[in-house]
Amino acid sequence: MAELNTGDGGGGKGGKVRSKKQNSKVDLTAMVDLAFLLITFFMLTTSLSKPQSMDLSLPDKDDKNPEDTKTKVDENRTMTVMLGGDNKMVYYMGLLATPKVAPKDITYGKDGIRRELLKQKKNVLAYSAALGKPKNGIIVIIKPTKKSNYRNLVDILDEMAITGVDTYAIVPEFSPEETKLIDKKAE
C-alpha cells in the first residue's frame, strides 16, 4: 500500500507543551492504479508507426543459363543517371557509345532532373505510341558511385515518384567508359 506521511504533528521546541496531533496518512494506492490503467490504455490504443517498404521486382535467376537472365530493353526508352560525389549528376539517353542525348551534367530539383525526366518521358511515350505500344514508358537506370551519398540516392528516388516513372533500376556496376565520364565530370 502506498502512503504519504506528512510529519509528526506536535511537540516542538520551546517550553510549551502542546497536545500531539495524529499523523495524517494519505493512501495513494488508487492514484497509482489509475496511472497504470491510463498508461496501459494509451499504449494499447496508440497506433505505432508502421514500417514502410518499397516494392522490389527482380528477374528470375537461372543458374543453368546465366545469359538468359540479362534483361534486354529498348535503348530508345533508356535513360541512365549516374550519381557522383559533391551532389554531381550526369545523365544520357540510350547507349553511351551511341547516345540519343549526349551525356550532360544536371542538378537536382524541379529545374534540373525533374524537368528532364518529364521531357524524356514525354518523348519516349510519343516514340512508343508511334510503334503501337503506348504503354511502354521510360526506363531509368540509376548508377550511384562510391563517392555519392545516401541523400543523393533518396533524392533521385523521390524524383522517380514525383515524375511518375514506374520502371527504374539501381545498378552499381559501371562500364569503363562511364567511369571515365563520371571521373572527368567530377574534376
N, C-alpha and C. Protein backbone atom coordinates (compact mmCIF):
# COMPACT_ATOMS: atom_id res chain seq x y z
N MET A 1 0.85 -1.16 0.00
CA MET A 1 0.00 0.00 0.00
C MET A 1 0.90 1.23 0.00
N ALA A 2 0.59 2.21 -0.89
CA ALA A 2 1.37 3.43 -0.97
C ALA A 2 0.74 4.47 -0.05
N GLU A 3 1.57 5.17 0.68
CA GLU A 3 1.02 6.18 1.59
C GLU A 3 1.96 7.35 1.66
N LEU A 4 1.44 8.45 2.09
CA LEU A 4 2.20 9.68 2.20
C LEU A 4 2.15 10.15 3.65
N ASN A 5 3.31 10.23 4.29
CA ASN A 5 3.38 10.70 5.67
C ASN A 5 3.65 12.20 5.65
N THR A 6 2.94 12.92 6.51
CA THR A 6 3.06 14.38 6.49
C THR A 6 3.75 14.94 7.72
N GLY A 7 4.50 14.17 8.42
CA GLY A 7 5.24 14.70 9.57
C GLY A 7 4.71 14.14 10.89
N ASP A 8 5.33 14.60 12.01
CA ASP A 8 4.94 14.04 13.30
C ASP A 8 3.86 14.86 13.98
N GLY A 9 3.64 16.06 13.59
CA GLY A 9 2.48 16.79 14.03
C GLY A 9 2.59 17.58 15.31
N GLY A 10 3.20 17.24 16.32
CA GLY A 10 3.11 18.01 17.55
C GLY A 10 4.45 18.26 18.18
N GLY A 11 4.40 18.68 19.44
CA GLY A 11 5.62 18.90 20.17
C GLY A 11 6.29 20.17 19.70
N GLY A 12 7.56 20.18 19.66
CA GLY A 12 8.28 21.32 19.15
C GLY A 12 9.29 21.79 20.17
N LYS A 13 9.94 22.86 19.85
CA LYS A 13 10.95 23.42 20.74
C LYS A 13 10.28 24.42 21.67
N GLY A 14 10.82 24.79 22.56
CA GLY A 14 10.22 25.76 23.46
C GLY A 14 9.64 25.05 24.68
N GLY A 15 9.20 25.83 25.58
CA GLY A 15 8.76 25.25 26.82
C GLY A 15 7.32 24.83 26.85
N LYS A 16 6.53 25.24 25.92
CA LYS A 16 5.12 24.90 25.97
C LYS A 16 4.89 23.48 25.55
N VAL A 17 4.03 22.87 26.20
CA VAL A 17 3.66 21.50 25.84
C VAL A 17 2.37 21.59 25.07
N ARG A 18 2.43 21.07 23.91
CA ARG A 18 1.23 21.07 23.10
C ARG A 18 0.73 19.66 22.97
N SER A 19 -0.50 19.58 22.67
CA SER A 19 -1.04 18.24 22.51
C SER A 19 -0.58 17.69 21.16
N LYS A 20 -0.29 16.42 21.17
CA LYS A 20 0.18 15.78 19.94
C LYS A 20 -0.99 15.56 19.01
N LYS A 21 -0.75 15.86 17.75
CA LYS A 21 -1.76 15.63 16.74
C LYS A 21 -1.46 14.29 16.08
N GLN A 22 -2.48 13.68 15.60
CA GLN A 22 -2.30 12.41 14.90
C GLN A 22 -1.61 12.65 13.57
N ASN A 23 -0.76 11.70 13.18
CA ASN A 23 -0.15 11.77 11.85
C ASN A 23 -1.24 11.53 10.81
N SER A 24 -1.24 12.42 9.79
CA SER A 24 -2.22 12.21 8.72
C SER A 24 -1.57 11.36 7.62
N LYS A 25 -2.29 10.39 7.15
CA LYS A 25 -1.79 9.50 6.11
C LYS A 25 -2.75 9.55 4.94
N VAL A 26 -2.14 9.65 3.76
CA VAL A 26 -2.94 9.66 2.54
C VAL A 26 -2.62 8.38 1.79
N ASP A 27 -3.65 7.63 1.48
CA ASP A 27 -3.47 6.38 0.75
C ASP A 27 -3.40 6.69 -0.74
N LEU A 28 -2.25 6.38 -1.37
CA LEU A 28 -2.04 6.68 -2.79
C LEU A 28 -2.26 5.47 -3.70
N THR A 29 -2.75 4.38 -3.18
CA THR A 29 -2.93 3.17 -3.98
C THR A 29 -3.86 3.40 -5.16
N ALA A 30 -4.95 4.09 -4.93
CA ALA A 30 -5.91 4.32 -6.01
C ALA A 30 -5.29 5.17 -7.12
N MET A 31 -4.47 6.16 -6.77
CA MET A 31 -3.85 7.01 -7.78
C MET A 31 -2.82 6.22 -8.59
N VAL A 32 -2.05 5.35 -7.97
CA VAL A 32 -1.08 4.52 -8.69
C VAL A 32 -1.81 3.57 -9.63
N ASP A 33 -2.91 2.97 -9.16
CA ASP A 33 -3.71 2.09 -10.03
C ASP A 33 -4.23 2.85 -11.24
N LEU A 34 -4.73 4.04 -11.01
CA LEU A 34 -5.26 4.85 -12.11
C LEU A 34 -4.15 5.20 -13.11
N ALA A 35 -2.97 5.53 -12.62
CA ALA A 35 -1.86 5.87 -13.52
C ALA A 35 -1.50 4.68 -14.40
N PHE A 36 -1.41 3.49 -13.84
CA PHE A 36 -1.09 2.32 -14.64
C PHE A 36 -2.21 1.97 -15.61
N LEU A 37 -3.45 2.17 -15.22
CA LEU A 37 -4.56 1.94 -16.14
C LEU A 37 -4.49 2.91 -17.32
N LEU A 38 -4.20 4.17 -17.06
CA LEU A 38 -4.09 5.15 -18.14
C LEU A 38 -2.91 4.83 -19.07
N ILE A 39 -1.78 4.48 -18.51
CA ILE A 39 -0.61 4.11 -19.32
C ILE A 39 -0.94 2.93 -20.21
N THR A 40 -1.57 1.91 -19.62
CA THR A 40 -1.95 0.71 -20.39
C THR A 40 -2.95 1.08 -21.48
N PHE A 41 -3.92 1.90 -21.16
CA PHE A 41 -4.92 2.29 -22.16
C PHE A 41 -4.28 3.00 -23.34
N PHE A 42 -3.41 3.98 -23.08
CA PHE A 42 -2.80 4.72 -24.17
C PHE A 42 -1.81 3.88 -24.97
N MET A 43 -1.15 2.96 -24.32
CA MET A 43 -0.25 2.07 -25.07
C MET A 43 -1.02 1.17 -26.02
N LEU A 44 -2.17 0.69 -25.59
CA LEU A 44 -2.94 -0.22 -26.43
C LEU A 44 -3.71 0.50 -27.53
N THR A 45 -4.12 1.74 -27.30
CA THR A 45 -4.93 2.44 -28.30
C THR A 45 -4.09 3.25 -29.29
N THR A 46 -2.84 3.51 -28.98
CA THR A 46 -1.99 4.27 -29.88
C THR A 46 -1.48 3.35 -30.98
N SER A 47 -1.56 3.83 -32.21
CA SER A 47 -1.02 3.02 -33.30
C SER A 47 0.45 3.41 -33.49
N LEU A 48 1.29 2.42 -33.46
CA LEU A 48 2.71 2.66 -33.65
C LEU A 48 2.97 2.83 -35.13
N SER A 49 4.06 3.51 -35.47
CA SER A 49 4.35 3.74 -36.89
C SER A 49 4.64 2.41 -37.58
N LYS A 50 4.01 2.24 -38.70
CA LYS A 50 4.17 1.01 -39.46
C LYS A 50 5.44 1.10 -40.30
N PRO A 51 6.21 0.03 -40.40
CA PRO A 51 7.40 0.08 -41.25
C PRO A 51 7.01 0.24 -42.71
N GLN A 52 7.70 1.12 -43.40
CA GLN A 52 7.41 1.35 -44.81
C GLN A 52 8.44 0.62 -45.64
N SER A 53 7.98 0.01 -46.70
CA SER A 53 8.90 -0.69 -47.58
C SER A 53 8.57 -0.37 -49.02
N MET A 54 9.52 -0.60 -49.86
CA MET A 54 9.37 -0.32 -51.27
C MET A 54 9.25 -1.65 -52.00
N ASP A 55 8.30 -1.73 -52.95
CA ASP A 55 8.17 -2.94 -53.75
C ASP A 55 9.39 -3.08 -54.64
N LEU A 56 9.89 -4.28 -54.71
CA LEU A 56 11.09 -4.55 -55.49
C LEU A 56 10.83 -5.75 -56.37
N SER A 57 10.95 -5.57 -57.65
CA SER A 57 10.75 -6.66 -58.60
C SER A 57 12.09 -7.03 -59.21
N LEU A 58 12.44 -8.28 -59.12
CA LEU A 58 13.70 -8.77 -59.68
C LEU A 58 13.41 -9.86 -60.69
N PRO A 59 14.23 -9.96 -61.72
CA PRO A 59 14.02 -11.05 -62.68
C PRO A 59 14.41 -12.39 -62.05
N ASP A 60 13.82 -13.47 -62.60
CA ASP A 60 14.15 -14.80 -62.12
C ASP A 60 15.60 -15.12 -62.44
N LYS A 61 16.23 -15.85 -61.54
CA LYS A 61 17.63 -16.22 -61.74
C LYS A 61 17.68 -17.65 -62.25
N ASP A 62 18.40 -17.85 -63.34
CA ASP A 62 18.56 -19.17 -63.93
C ASP A 62 20.04 -19.52 -63.86
N ASP A 63 20.37 -20.48 -62.99
CA ASP A 63 21.77 -20.86 -62.82
C ASP A 63 22.33 -21.60 -64.03
N LYS A 64 21.47 -22.28 -64.78
CA LYS A 64 21.94 -23.06 -65.93
C LYS A 64 22.36 -22.17 -67.09
N ASN A 65 21.59 -21.14 -67.36
CA ASN A 65 21.89 -20.23 -68.46
C ASN A 65 21.96 -18.80 -67.94
N PRO A 66 23.12 -18.37 -67.44
CA PRO A 66 23.20 -17.02 -66.87
C PRO A 66 22.99 -15.92 -67.91
N GLU A 67 23.21 -16.20 -69.17
CA GLU A 67 22.99 -15.20 -70.22
C GLU A 67 21.52 -14.89 -70.41
N ASP A 68 20.66 -15.86 -70.10
CA ASP A 68 19.22 -15.67 -70.28
C ASP A 68 18.62 -14.71 -69.26
N THR A 69 19.32 -14.47 -68.15
CA THR A 69 18.78 -13.60 -67.11
C THR A 69 19.01 -12.12 -67.40
N LYS A 70 19.82 -11.81 -68.40
CA LYS A 70 20.04 -10.40 -68.74
C LYS A 70 18.78 -9.86 -69.40
N THR A 71 18.30 -8.77 -68.88
CA THR A 71 17.09 -8.16 -69.39
C THR A 71 17.46 -7.24 -70.56
N LYS A 72 16.83 -7.46 -71.67
CA LYS A 72 17.08 -6.64 -72.85
C LYS A 72 16.00 -5.57 -72.93
N VAL A 73 16.43 -4.32 -73.06
CA VAL A 73 15.49 -3.21 -73.14
C VAL A 73 15.81 -2.37 -74.37
N ASP A 74 14.82 -1.64 -74.81
CA ASP A 74 14.97 -0.77 -75.97
C ASP A 74 15.83 0.43 -75.57
N GLU A 75 16.91 0.66 -76.32
CA GLU A 75 17.81 1.76 -75.98
C GLU A 75 17.15 3.13 -76.17
N ASN A 76 16.10 3.20 -76.98
CA ASN A 76 15.40 4.46 -77.18
C ASN A 76 14.54 4.83 -75.98
N ARG A 77 14.30 3.87 -75.10
CA ARG A 77 13.49 4.11 -73.91
C ARG A 77 14.34 4.27 -72.65
N THR A 78 15.64 4.10 -72.75
CA THR A 78 16.51 4.02 -71.58
C THR A 78 17.22 5.34 -71.30
N MET A 79 17.11 5.77 -70.06
CA MET A 79 17.84 6.94 -69.58
C MET A 79 18.73 6.48 -68.44
N THR A 80 20.01 6.80 -68.51
CA THR A 80 20.95 6.42 -67.46
C THR A 80 21.33 7.68 -66.67
N VAL A 81 21.22 7.59 -65.34
CA VAL A 81 21.57 8.69 -64.45
C VAL A 81 22.69 8.20 -63.55
N MET A 82 23.84 8.86 -63.62
CA MET A 82 25.00 8.50 -62.79
C MET A 82 25.16 9.55 -61.69
N LEU A 83 25.22 9.08 -60.45
CA LEU A 83 25.34 9.97 -59.29
C LEU A 83 26.79 10.02 -58.86
N GLY A 84 27.38 11.19 -58.87
CA GLY A 84 28.77 11.35 -58.47
C GLY A 84 28.90 12.01 -57.11
N GLY A 85 30.13 12.31 -56.74
CA GLY A 85 30.40 12.98 -55.48
C GLY A 85 30.04 14.46 -55.55
N ASP A 86 29.94 15.11 -54.42
CA ASP A 86 29.65 16.55 -54.31
C ASP A 86 28.34 16.93 -55.02
N ASN A 87 27.32 16.08 -54.90
CA ASN A 87 26.00 16.31 -55.48
C ASN A 87 26.03 16.51 -57.00
N LYS A 88 26.98 15.88 -57.67
CA LYS A 88 27.06 15.94 -59.13
C LYS A 88 26.24 14.81 -59.72
N MET A 89 25.66 15.07 -60.89
CA MET A 89 24.85 14.07 -61.56
C MET A 89 25.03 14.24 -63.07
N VAL A 90 25.18 13.11 -63.77
CA VAL A 90 25.33 13.09 -65.22
C VAL A 90 24.28 12.13 -65.76
N TYR A 91 23.63 12.52 -66.87
CA TYR A 91 22.64 11.62 -67.47
C TYR A 91 22.86 11.57 -68.97
N TYR A 92 22.38 10.49 -69.58
CA TYR A 92 22.34 10.37 -71.03
C TYR A 92 21.21 9.43 -71.40
N MET A 93 20.75 9.54 -72.64
CA MET A 93 19.69 8.67 -73.16
C MET A 93 20.31 7.67 -74.12
N GLY A 94 19.81 6.45 -74.09
CA GLY A 94 20.31 5.41 -75.00
C GLY A 94 21.56 4.75 -74.46
N LEU A 95 22.40 4.28 -75.39
CA LEU A 95 23.68 3.67 -75.03
C LEU A 95 24.76 4.74 -75.01
N LEU A 96 25.78 4.53 -74.21
CA LEU A 96 26.85 5.53 -74.11
C LEU A 96 27.63 5.63 -75.41
N ALA A 97 27.78 4.51 -76.13
CA ALA A 97 28.51 4.52 -77.39
C ALA A 97 27.77 5.33 -78.45
N THR A 98 26.45 5.19 -78.48
CA THR A 98 25.63 5.92 -79.46
C THR A 98 24.45 6.56 -78.73
N PRO A 99 24.70 7.62 -77.96
CA PRO A 99 23.60 8.19 -77.15
C PRO A 99 22.60 8.96 -78.01
N LYS A 100 21.33 8.87 -77.61
CA LYS A 100 20.28 9.69 -78.23
C LYS A 100 20.38 11.12 -77.70
N VAL A 101 20.74 11.26 -76.44
CA VAL A 101 21.05 12.54 -75.83
C VAL A 101 22.43 12.38 -75.21
N ALA A 102 23.37 13.23 -75.62
CA ALA A 102 24.75 13.14 -75.15
C ALA A 102 24.81 13.34 -73.64
N PRO A 103 25.83 12.80 -72.98
CA PRO A 103 25.96 12.97 -71.53
C PRO A 103 26.02 14.44 -71.13
N LYS A 104 25.20 14.79 -70.14
CA LYS A 104 25.12 16.17 -69.66
C LYS A 104 25.13 16.19 -68.14
N ASP A 105 25.75 17.24 -67.61
CA ASP A 105 25.66 17.50 -66.17
C ASP A 105 24.28 18.07 -65.90
N ILE A 106 23.73 17.72 -64.76
CA ILE A 106 22.40 18.21 -64.40
C ILE A 106 22.34 18.34 -62.88
N THR A 107 21.42 19.15 -62.40
CA THR A 107 21.26 19.37 -60.95
C THR A 107 20.01 18.65 -60.46
N TYR A 108 19.90 18.58 -59.16
CA TYR A 108 18.71 18.02 -58.54
C TYR A 108 17.62 19.08 -58.51
N GLY A 109 16.38 18.66 -58.36
CA GLY A 109 15.28 19.60 -58.18
C GLY A 109 14.41 19.76 -59.41
N LYS A 110 13.44 20.66 -59.27
CA LYS A 110 12.43 20.80 -60.31
C LYS A 110 12.97 21.41 -61.59
N ASP A 111 14.00 22.24 -61.51
CA ASP A 111 14.55 22.84 -62.72
C ASP A 111 15.67 22.01 -63.33
N GLY A 112 16.03 20.91 -62.69
CA GLY A 112 17.11 20.07 -63.18
C GLY A 112 16.60 18.74 -63.68
N ILE A 113 16.80 17.72 -62.88
CA ILE A 113 16.48 16.35 -63.28
C ILE A 113 14.98 16.14 -63.46
N ARG A 114 14.16 16.80 -62.68
CA ARG A 114 12.71 16.60 -62.80
C ARG A 114 12.21 17.08 -64.16
N ARG A 115 12.66 18.24 -64.58
CA ARG A 115 12.25 18.76 -65.88
C ARG A 115 12.72 17.82 -67.00
N GLU A 116 13.95 17.34 -66.88
CA GLU A 116 14.49 16.45 -67.92
C GLU A 116 13.77 15.11 -67.93
N LEU A 117 13.44 14.58 -66.76
CA LEU A 117 12.69 13.31 -66.70
C LEU A 117 11.32 13.46 -67.36
N LEU A 118 10.63 14.55 -67.08
CA LEU A 118 9.32 14.76 -67.67
C LEU A 118 9.41 14.92 -69.19
N LYS A 119 10.44 15.63 -69.64
CA LYS A 119 10.64 15.83 -71.09
C LYS A 119 10.94 14.51 -71.78
N GLN A 120 11.87 13.74 -71.22
CA GLN A 120 12.25 12.47 -71.85
C GLN A 120 11.11 11.45 -71.74
N LYS A 121 10.36 11.49 -70.66
CA LYS A 121 9.21 10.60 -70.52
C LYS A 121 8.19 10.87 -71.62
N LYS A 122 7.94 12.15 -71.89
CA LYS A 122 7.01 12.53 -72.95
C LYS A 122 7.52 12.06 -74.32
N ASN A 123 8.84 12.22 -74.57
CA ASN A 123 9.42 11.79 -75.84
C ASN A 123 9.32 10.27 -76.01
N VAL A 124 9.57 9.53 -74.94
CA VAL A 124 9.51 8.06 -75.01
C VAL A 124 8.08 7.59 -75.24
N LEU A 125 7.12 8.23 -74.58
CA LEU A 125 5.72 7.85 -74.79
C LEU A 125 5.29 8.12 -76.23
N ALA A 126 5.76 9.21 -76.82
CA ALA A 126 5.45 9.50 -78.22
C ALA A 126 6.10 8.46 -79.13
N TYR A 127 7.35 8.09 -78.83
CA TYR A 127 8.06 7.06 -79.60
C TYR A 127 7.34 5.72 -79.50
N SER A 128 6.93 5.33 -78.30
CA SER A 128 6.24 4.05 -78.09
C SER A 128 4.88 4.05 -78.76
N ALA A 129 4.18 5.17 -78.72
CA ALA A 129 2.87 5.25 -79.38
C ALA A 129 3.01 5.10 -80.89
N ALA A 130 4.11 5.65 -81.45
CA ALA A 130 4.35 5.52 -82.89
C ALA A 130 4.61 4.06 -83.27
N LEU A 131 5.17 3.29 -82.36
CA LEU A 131 5.42 1.86 -82.61
C LEU A 131 4.20 1.00 -82.33
N GLY A 132 3.14 1.60 -81.81
CA GLY A 132 1.94 0.86 -81.49
C GLY A 132 1.96 0.23 -80.11
N LYS A 133 2.86 0.69 -79.25
CA LYS A 133 2.96 0.19 -77.87
C LYS A 133 2.88 1.38 -76.91
N PRO A 134 1.69 1.97 -76.76
CA PRO A 134 1.59 3.21 -75.98
C PRO A 134 1.85 3.05 -74.49
N LYS A 135 1.86 1.83 -74.00
CA LYS A 135 2.07 1.64 -72.55
C LYS A 135 3.54 1.50 -72.19
N ASN A 136 4.43 1.45 -73.18
CA ASN A 136 5.86 1.34 -72.89
C ASN A 136 6.42 2.71 -72.55
N GLY A 137 6.76 2.90 -71.29
CA GLY A 137 7.28 4.18 -70.83
C GLY A 137 8.79 4.17 -70.73
N ILE A 138 9.30 5.21 -70.12
CA ILE A 138 10.74 5.38 -69.97
C ILE A 138 11.29 4.41 -68.92
N ILE A 139 12.51 3.98 -69.14
CA ILE A 139 13.23 3.12 -68.19
C ILE A 139 14.44 3.92 -67.72
N VAL A 140 14.57 4.12 -66.43
CA VAL A 140 15.68 4.89 -65.87
C VAL A 140 16.61 3.94 -65.13
N ILE A 141 17.90 4.02 -65.47
CA ILE A 141 18.93 3.23 -64.78
C ILE A 141 19.70 4.20 -63.90
N ILE A 142 19.67 3.96 -62.61
CA ILE A 142 20.35 4.83 -61.64
C ILE A 142 21.64 4.15 -61.23
N LYS A 143 22.75 4.85 -61.42
CA LYS A 143 24.07 4.29 -61.09
C LYS A 143 24.77 5.19 -60.08
N PRO A 144 24.68 4.85 -58.79
CA PRO A 144 25.40 5.65 -57.79
C PRO A 144 26.87 5.23 -57.71
N THR A 145 27.76 6.20 -57.64
CA THR A 145 29.18 5.90 -57.46
C THR A 145 29.47 5.74 -55.98
N LYS A 146 30.65 5.33 -55.66
CA LYS A 146 31.05 5.20 -54.25
C LYS A 146 31.19 6.58 -53.60
N LYS A 147 31.37 7.61 -54.42
CA LYS A 147 31.53 8.96 -53.89
C LYS A 147 30.19 9.63 -53.61
N SER A 148 29.12 9.12 -54.19
CA SER A 148 27.80 9.72 -53.95
C SER A 148 27.34 9.34 -52.55
N ASN A 149 26.44 10.14 -52.01
CA ASN A 149 25.96 9.84 -50.65
C ASN A 149 24.53 9.33 -50.69
N TYR A 150 24.06 8.89 -49.56
CA TYR A 150 22.73 8.28 -49.45
C TYR A 150 21.63 9.28 -49.80
N ARG A 151 21.82 10.52 -49.43
CA ARG A 151 20.81 11.54 -49.73
C ARG A 151 20.61 11.69 -51.23
N ASN A 152 21.71 11.61 -52.02
CA ASN A 152 21.58 11.70 -53.47
C ASN A 152 20.69 10.59 -54.01
N LEU A 153 20.87 9.39 -53.50
CA LEU A 153 20.05 8.25 -53.95
C LEU A 153 18.59 8.45 -53.56
N VAL A 154 18.35 8.91 -52.35
CA VAL A 154 16.97 9.16 -51.90
C VAL A 154 16.34 10.26 -52.74
N ASP A 155 17.11 11.31 -53.05
CA ASP A 155 16.58 12.41 -53.86
C ASP A 155 16.19 11.93 -55.26
N ILE A 156 17.00 11.09 -55.88
CA ILE A 156 16.66 10.62 -57.23
C ILE A 156 15.47 9.66 -57.18
N LEU A 157 15.36 8.87 -56.12
CA LEU A 157 14.18 8.00 -55.98
C LEU A 157 12.92 8.83 -55.75
N ASP A 158 13.05 9.94 -55.02
CA ASP A 158 11.91 10.86 -54.86
C ASP A 158 11.50 11.44 -56.21
N GLU A 159 12.48 11.78 -57.03
CA GLU A 159 12.16 12.31 -58.36
C GLU A 159 11.44 11.27 -59.21
N MET A 160 11.79 10.00 -59.06
CA MET A 160 11.10 8.94 -59.80
C MET A 160 9.62 8.90 -59.39
N ALA A 161 9.37 9.05 -58.10
CA ALA A 161 7.99 9.03 -57.61
C ALA A 161 7.23 10.28 -58.06
N ILE A 162 7.87 11.43 -58.00
CA ILE A 162 7.22 12.69 -58.36
C ILE A 162 6.86 12.71 -59.83
N THR A 163 7.78 12.26 -60.69
CA THR A 163 7.54 12.32 -62.13
C THR A 163 6.73 11.14 -62.64
N GLY A 164 6.48 10.15 -61.80
CA GLY A 164 5.66 9.01 -62.21
C GLY A 164 6.40 8.00 -63.07
N VAL A 165 7.70 7.91 -62.90
CA VAL A 165 8.48 6.90 -63.64
C VAL A 165 8.29 5.58 -62.91
N ASP A 166 7.66 4.62 -63.60
CA ASP A 166 7.34 3.34 -62.97
C ASP A 166 8.48 2.34 -63.05
N THR A 167 9.29 2.42 -64.09
CA THR A 167 10.34 1.42 -64.31
C THR A 167 11.70 2.06 -64.14
N TYR A 168 12.37 1.67 -63.07
CA TYR A 168 13.74 2.15 -62.84
C TYR A 168 14.50 1.07 -62.10
N ALA A 169 15.82 1.14 -62.21
CA ALA A 169 16.68 0.15 -61.57
C ALA A 169 17.90 0.85 -61.00
N ILE A 170 18.37 0.34 -59.87
CA ILE A 170 19.61 0.84 -59.27
C ILE A 170 20.69 -0.19 -59.59
N VAL A 171 21.68 0.24 -60.36
CA VAL A 171 22.73 -0.66 -60.83
C VAL A 171 24.07 -0.13 -60.33
N PRO A 172 24.81 -0.92 -59.54
CA PRO A 172 26.08 -0.42 -59.01
C PRO A 172 27.26 -0.58 -59.96
N GLU A 173 27.09 -1.33 -61.06
CA GLU A 173 28.22 -1.56 -61.96
C GLU A 173 28.35 -0.43 -62.98
N PHE A 174 29.60 -0.08 -63.26
CA PHE A 174 29.91 0.94 -64.24
C PHE A 174 30.77 0.33 -65.33
N SER A 175 30.54 0.74 -66.57
CA SER A 175 31.44 0.33 -67.65
C SER A 175 32.69 1.22 -67.56
N PRO A 176 33.79 0.82 -68.16
CA PRO A 176 34.99 1.68 -68.11
C PRO A 176 34.75 3.07 -68.70
N GLU A 177 33.93 3.14 -69.76
CA GLU A 177 33.63 4.45 -70.36
C GLU A 177 32.85 5.32 -69.40
N GLU A 178 31.90 4.73 -68.69
CA GLU A 178 31.11 5.50 -67.72
C GLU A 178 31.98 5.98 -66.56
N THR A 179 32.90 5.14 -66.14
CA THR A 179 33.81 5.53 -65.05
C THR A 179 34.65 6.72 -65.47
N LYS A 180 35.17 6.69 -66.70
CA LYS A 180 35.96 7.82 -67.20
C LYS A 180 35.10 9.07 -67.29
N LEU A 181 33.86 8.91 -67.75
CA LEU A 181 32.97 10.04 -67.91
C LEU A 181 32.64 10.70 -66.57
N ILE A 182 32.28 9.91 -65.58
CA ILE A 182 31.90 10.47 -64.29
C ILE A 182 33.13 11.05 -63.57
N ASP A 183 34.29 10.43 -63.74
CA ASP A 183 35.51 10.98 -63.13
C ASP A 183 35.91 12.30 -63.79
N LYS A 184 35.74 12.38 -65.10
CA LYS A 184 36.07 13.61 -65.82
C LYS A 184 35.12 14.74 -65.41
N LYS A 185 33.84 14.43 -65.25
CA LYS A 185 32.86 15.44 -64.89
C LYS A 185 33.05 15.90 -63.44
N ALA A 186 33.58 15.00 -62.59
CA ALA A 186 33.76 15.34 -61.17
C ALA A 186 34.94 16.30 -60.96
N GLU A 187 35.84 16.36 -61.90
CA GLU A 187 37.02 17.24 -61.73
C GLU A 187 36.69 18.68 -61.91
